Protein backbone atom coordinates (compact mmCIF):
# COMPACT_ATOMS: atom_id res chain seq x y z
CA UNK A 1 129.78 23.52 -27.36
CA UNK A 2 129.54 23.91 -23.57
CA UNK A 3 127.88 20.53 -23.03
CA UNK A 4 130.51 18.73 -25.10
CA UNK A 5 133.29 20.61 -23.32
CA UNK A 6 131.91 19.36 -20.00
CA UNK A 7 131.88 15.70 -21.06
CA UNK A 8 133.66 13.93 -18.19
CA UNK A 9 136.52 11.51 -18.80
CA UNK A 10 136.42 9.84 -15.38
CA UNK A 11 133.71 7.71 -13.77
CA UNK A 12 133.51 9.15 -10.22
CA UNK A 13 130.32 11.24 -10.05
CA UNK A 14 129.81 11.28 -13.81
CA UNK A 15 126.78 8.97 -13.75
CA UNK A 16 125.07 11.40 -11.38
CA UNK A 17 125.94 14.31 -13.65
CA UNK A 18 124.56 12.54 -16.71
CA UNK A 19 121.42 11.52 -14.80
CA UNK A 20 120.87 15.13 -13.72
CA UNK A 21 121.38 16.40 -17.26
CA UNK A 22 118.93 13.90 -18.74
CA UNK A 23 116.37 14.30 -15.97
CA UNK A 24 116.10 18.06 -16.50
CA UNK A 25 114.97 17.50 -20.09
CA UNK A 26 111.54 15.80 -20.11
CA UNK A 27 111.62 15.06 -23.84
CA UNK A 28 115.05 13.49 -23.63
CA UNK A 29 114.06 11.53 -20.51
CA UNK A 30 111.05 10.10 -22.35
CA UNK A 31 113.25 9.04 -25.27
CA UNK A 32 115.74 7.35 -22.93
CA UNK A 33 112.87 5.38 -21.38
CA UNK A 34 111.49 4.47 -24.81
CA UNK A 35 114.94 3.29 -25.87
CA UNK A 36 115.49 0.95 -22.91
CA UNK A 37 111.95 -0.39 -23.28
CA UNK A 38 112.39 -1.10 -27.00
CA UNK A 39 112.15 -4.56 -28.53
CA UNK A 40 115.93 -4.98 -28.73
CA UNK A 41 116.43 -5.01 -24.96
CA UNK A 42 113.31 -7.15 -24.41
CA UNK A 43 113.26 -6.59 -20.65
CA UNK A 44 110.84 -8.67 -18.56
CA UNK A 45 109.46 -5.53 -16.90
CA UNK A 46 109.11 -1.99 -18.20
CA UNK A 47 111.60 0.51 -16.82
CA UNK A 48 110.02 3.69 -15.46
CA UNK A 49 113.02 5.29 -13.74
CA UNK A 50 115.40 7.45 -15.79
CA UNK A 51 118.25 6.62 -13.44
CA UNK A 52 117.62 2.90 -13.87
CA UNK A 53 117.41 3.31 -17.65
CA UNK A 54 120.79 5.06 -17.70
CA UNK A 55 122.33 2.29 -15.59
CA UNK A 56 120.99 -0.43 -17.90
CA UNK A 57 121.97 1.35 -21.12
CA UNK A 58 125.44 2.11 -19.82
CA UNK A 59 127.15 5.39 -19.08
CA UNK A 60 129.03 5.65 -22.39
CA UNK A 61 125.94 4.76 -24.42
CA UNK A 62 123.81 7.44 -22.78
CA UNK A 63 126.64 9.91 -23.25
CA UNK A 64 126.56 9.14 -26.99
CA UNK A 65 122.84 9.99 -27.03
CA UNK A 66 123.52 13.29 -25.25
CA UNK A 67 126.28 14.00 -27.77
CA UNK A 68 123.94 13.36 -30.70
CA UNK A 69 121.22 15.50 -29.17
CA UNK A 70 123.64 18.42 -29.06
CA UNK A 71 124.71 17.91 -32.69
CA UNK A 72 121.15 17.38 -33.87
CA UNK A 73 120.09 20.78 -32.58
CA UNK A 74 123.29 22.45 -33.79
CA UNK A 75 123.09 21.13 -37.38
CA UNK A 76 119.46 20.25 -38.19
CA UNK A 77 119.88 20.75 -41.93
CA UNK A 78 122.57 18.05 -42.09
CA UNK A 79 120.30 15.37 -40.69
CA UNK A 80 117.31 16.38 -42.76
CA UNK A 81 119.29 16.21 -46.02
CA UNK A 82 120.46 12.62 -45.51
CA UNK A 83 119.10 11.19 -42.29
CA UNK A 84 120.33 7.62 -42.87
CA UNK A 85 123.91 8.70 -43.59
CA UNK A 86 123.84 10.88 -40.49
CA UNK A 87 122.57 8.08 -38.27
CA UNK A 88 125.22 5.72 -39.67
CA UNK A 89 127.96 8.20 -38.79
CA UNK A 90 126.54 8.77 -35.32
CA UNK A 91 126.22 5.01 -34.74
CA UNK A 92 129.81 4.53 -35.91
CA UNK A 93 131.03 7.06 -33.34
CA UNK A 94 129.02 5.31 -30.63
CA UNK A 95 130.39 1.83 -31.40
CA UNK A 96 133.96 3.14 -31.69
CA UNK A 97 133.44 4.74 -28.28
CA UNK A 98 132.31 1.40 -26.83
CA UNK A 99 135.16 -0.48 -28.51
CA UNK A 100 137.81 2.06 -27.46
CA UNK A 101 136.65 1.97 -23.86
CA UNK A 102 136.78 -1.84 -23.84
CA UNK A 103 140.22 -2.10 -25.50
CA UNK A 104 141.67 0.74 -23.45
CA UNK A 105 140.80 -1.07 -20.25
CA UNK A 106 141.53 -4.65 -21.32
CA UNK A 107 144.70 -4.24 -23.42
CA UNK A 108 146.32 -0.97 -22.42
CA UNK A 109 145.23 -0.35 -18.82
CA UNK A 110 143.86 3.05 -19.72
CA UNK A 111 140.67 4.69 -18.49
CA UNK A 112 137.73 3.26 -20.39
CA UNK A 113 135.83 6.51 -19.83
CA UNK A 114 138.58 8.71 -21.28
CA UNK A 115 138.91 6.36 -24.28
CA UNK A 116 135.13 6.33 -24.62
CA UNK A 117 135.15 10.12 -24.88
CA UNK A 118 137.89 10.12 -27.52
CA UNK A 119 136.13 7.38 -29.48
CA UNK A 120 132.89 9.32 -29.38
CA UNK A 121 134.56 12.50 -30.65
CA UNK A 122 137.09 10.98 -33.06
CA UNK A 123 135.10 11.90 -36.19
CA UNK A 124 133.76 15.23 -34.92
CA UNK A 125 135.53 16.98 -37.81
CA UNK A 126 133.20 15.29 -40.31
CA UNK A 127 130.27 17.29 -38.98
CA UNK A 128 131.90 20.53 -40.08
CA UNK A 129 132.76 19.82 -43.71
CA UNK A 130 129.64 21.58 -44.89
CA UNK A 131 131.22 24.83 -43.64
CA UNK A 132 134.26 24.44 -45.92
CA UNK A 133 134.66 25.16 -49.62
CA UNK A 134 135.93 22.37 -51.85
CA UNK A 135 139.32 23.03 -53.40
CA UNK A 136 139.54 20.12 -55.81
CA UNK A 137 138.74 16.50 -56.54
CA UNK A 138 140.71 13.30 -55.92
CA UNK A 139 140.67 9.79 -57.33
CA UNK A 140 138.00 7.72 -55.61
CA UNK A 141 140.28 4.73 -54.97
CA UNK A 142 142.49 6.67 -52.53
CA UNK A 143 142.07 6.41 -48.72
CA UNK A 144 139.37 8.74 -47.47
CA UNK A 145 141.73 10.97 -45.47
CA UNK A 146 143.78 11.66 -48.62
CA UNK A 147 140.63 12.38 -50.61
CA UNK A 148 139.57 14.83 -47.90
CA UNK A 149 142.92 16.62 -47.96
CA UNK A 150 142.70 17.02 -51.72
CA UNK A 151 139.14 18.28 -51.58
CA UNK A 152 139.33 20.54 -48.52
CA UNK A 153 143.02 21.10 -47.79
CA UNK A 154 142.80 19.13 -44.53
CA UNK A 155 141.30 15.85 -43.35
CA UNK A 156 138.60 15.32 -40.74
CA UNK A 157 141.12 14.35 -38.05
CA UNK A 158 142.86 17.72 -38.32
CA UNK A 159 139.53 19.57 -38.40
CA UNK A 160 138.44 17.62 -35.32
CA UNK A 161 141.64 18.50 -33.46
CA UNK A 162 141.16 22.19 -34.27
CA UNK A 163 137.60 22.03 -32.95
CA UNK A 164 138.66 20.14 -29.80
CA UNK A 165 141.40 22.70 -29.17
CA UNK A 166 138.92 25.55 -29.68
CA UNK A 167 136.62 23.91 -27.16
CA UNK A 168 139.58 23.69 -24.75
CA UNK A 169 139.34 19.92 -24.39
CA UNK A 170 142.29 18.16 -22.71
CA UNK A 171 145.42 17.76 -24.82
CA UNK A 172 145.22 13.97 -24.85
CA UNK A 173 141.76 14.15 -26.45
CA UNK A 174 142.82 16.76 -28.99
CA UNK A 175 145.99 14.81 -29.86
CA UNK A 176 144.28 11.45 -30.19
CA UNK A 177 141.57 12.92 -32.43
CA UNK A 178 144.26 14.41 -34.67
CA UNK A 179 146.26 11.17 -34.85
CA UNK A 180 143.57 8.50 -34.83
CA UNK A 181 144.49 7.50 -38.40
CA UNK A 182 148.25 7.94 -38.03
CA UNK A 183 148.98 4.31 -36.99
CA UNK A 184 147.82 3.30 -40.48
CA UNK A 185 150.38 5.48 -42.27
CA UNK A 186 153.20 6.55 -39.94
CA UNK A 187 155.56 4.94 -37.37
CA UNK A 188 155.02 5.55 -33.64
CA UNK A 189 157.53 8.41 -33.42
CA UNK A 190 155.22 10.46 -35.63
CA UNK A 191 152.68 10.67 -32.78
CA UNK A 192 153.34 12.64 -29.56
CA UNK A 193 154.00 10.31 -26.65
CA UNK A 194 151.28 11.99 -24.61
CA UNK A 195 148.57 10.56 -26.86
CA UNK A 196 150.31 7.61 -28.56
CA UNK A 197 148.43 4.79 -26.84
CA UNK A 198 145.12 6.59 -27.10
CA UNK A 199 145.61 7.23 -30.81
CA UNK A 200 146.38 3.55 -31.38
CA UNK A 201 143.37 2.37 -29.37
CA UNK A 202 140.98 4.59 -31.34
CA UNK A 203 142.61 3.58 -34.63
CA UNK A 204 142.20 -0.10 -33.76
CA UNK A 205 138.64 0.49 -32.61
CA UNK A 206 137.76 2.32 -35.81
CA UNK A 207 139.14 -0.58 -37.87
CA UNK A 208 137.41 -3.25 -35.78
CA UNK A 209 134.04 -1.54 -36.03
CA UNK A 210 134.37 -1.18 -39.81
CA UNK A 211 135.32 -4.85 -40.17
CA UNK A 212 132.26 -5.79 -38.13
CA UNK A 213 130.06 -3.74 -40.46
CA UNK A 214 129.62 -0.56 -38.41
CA UNK A 215 131.14 1.97 -40.81
CA UNK A 216 130.38 5.67 -40.98
CA UNK A 217 131.02 7.68 -44.14
CA UNK A 218 134.10 5.77 -45.25
CA UNK A 219 134.81 2.05 -45.36
CA UNK A 220 138.62 1.99 -45.68
CA UNK A 221 140.08 -1.19 -44.18
CA UNK A 222 143.77 -0.37 -43.85
CA UNK A 223 145.91 -2.41 -41.41
CA UNK A 224 147.72 -0.88 -38.45
CA UNK A 225 151.48 -0.75 -39.05
CA UNK A 226 153.43 -3.66 -37.59
CA UNK A 227 155.62 -1.40 -35.43
CA UNK A 228 152.69 -0.70 -33.13
CA UNK A 229 151.88 -4.35 -32.64
CA UNK A 230 155.50 -5.14 -31.76
CA UNK A 231 155.79 -2.14 -29.46
CA UNK A 232 152.74 -3.05 -27.39
CA UNK A 233 152.80 -6.82 -27.77
CA UNK A 234 149.42 -7.11 -29.46
CA UNK A 235 148.44 -9.44 -32.28
CA UNK A 236 148.13 -7.96 -35.75
CA UNK A 237 145.10 -10.18 -36.13
CA UNK A 238 141.71 -8.77 -35.21
CA UNK A 239 140.40 -12.25 -34.46
CA UNK A 240 142.81 -12.34 -31.51
CA UNK A 241 141.57 -9.00 -30.20
CA UNK A 242 137.82 -9.22 -30.79
CA UNK A 243 136.27 -11.12 -27.87
CA UNK A 244 132.61 -12.01 -27.26
CA UNK A 245 132.52 -9.35 -24.55
CA UNK A 246 133.78 -6.69 -26.95
CA UNK A 247 131.23 -7.71 -29.60
CA UNK A 248 128.49 -7.49 -26.99
CA UNK A 249 129.54 -3.94 -26.00
CA UNK A 250 129.65 -2.87 -29.66
CA UNK A 251 126.25 -4.39 -30.46
CA UNK A 252 124.67 -2.78 -27.40
CA UNK A 253 126.01 0.63 -28.43
CA UNK A 254 124.74 0.15 -31.98
CA UNK A 255 121.24 -0.90 -30.98
CA UNK A 256 121.01 1.86 -28.38
CA UNK A 257 121.62 4.42 -31.12
CA UNK A 258 119.33 2.67 -33.60
CA UNK A 259 116.52 2.38 -31.07
CA UNK A 260 116.85 6.04 -30.10
CA UNK A 261 117.11 7.20 -33.73
CA UNK A 262 113.92 5.33 -34.56
CA UNK A 263 112.05 7.26 -31.90
CA UNK A 264 112.89 10.66 -33.34
CA UNK A 265 111.03 11.66 -36.47
CA UNK A 266 112.93 13.44 -39.28
CA UNK A 267 113.16 17.16 -38.62
CA UNK A 268 112.38 16.81 -34.91
CA UNK A 269 114.60 18.51 -32.35
CA UNK A 270 114.47 18.64 -28.58
CA UNK A 271 114.64 21.53 -26.21
């Protein structure tokens, strides 16, 4: 977990840190170059510099690839058992990261890099369900978080918060992971003030990405409670929030993941 724990939440020298991390891994560097030179980006000239590739892909997008590389090597059996489902979940985290960074900066004046980190890690608990024993079954028409609580005794947001706390991640990240579904079910006073905005941004981002077709393991489309919209003066209408620039960021994140995932063969790791 050391690499995830060191994920920066500020821009500053982070690009240099990511570049150094990628450059020390020749296999990963090659995959980054293959990704930027894929048909989706359709660049007029081939990119041969890892640093240039990282700049073109975007800091948050490359960070999502680093994140997946860590998980891939930690849980190889999960990807091999259902590769497509795994890639969908990874892609969902990447697009939520892109969306959260965009909304955090444009609507809430929050750090897009901190929100990008929270968005990237918001579903981290889902990667650990295979370690838990099922306790029961729930009706399939219930929201996914309620189904999870019935089956495992806790939902993925709580599991993710426990993991983030164990990894000693900042409290705002831990809190927002735990409460990223709370704006769907509870009023604002249910969420600690230290992570209230961040929880709302990730919740909105999760919903937007699902509406746009970038879902992970669940496809619940529950609206954010009206109290949040009134409190922060935002429209309870996604059409008012989703701009062409936001769609572009989300699509770029999605195709970055898809291009990279297509390079790796099933069962392949990196060292």
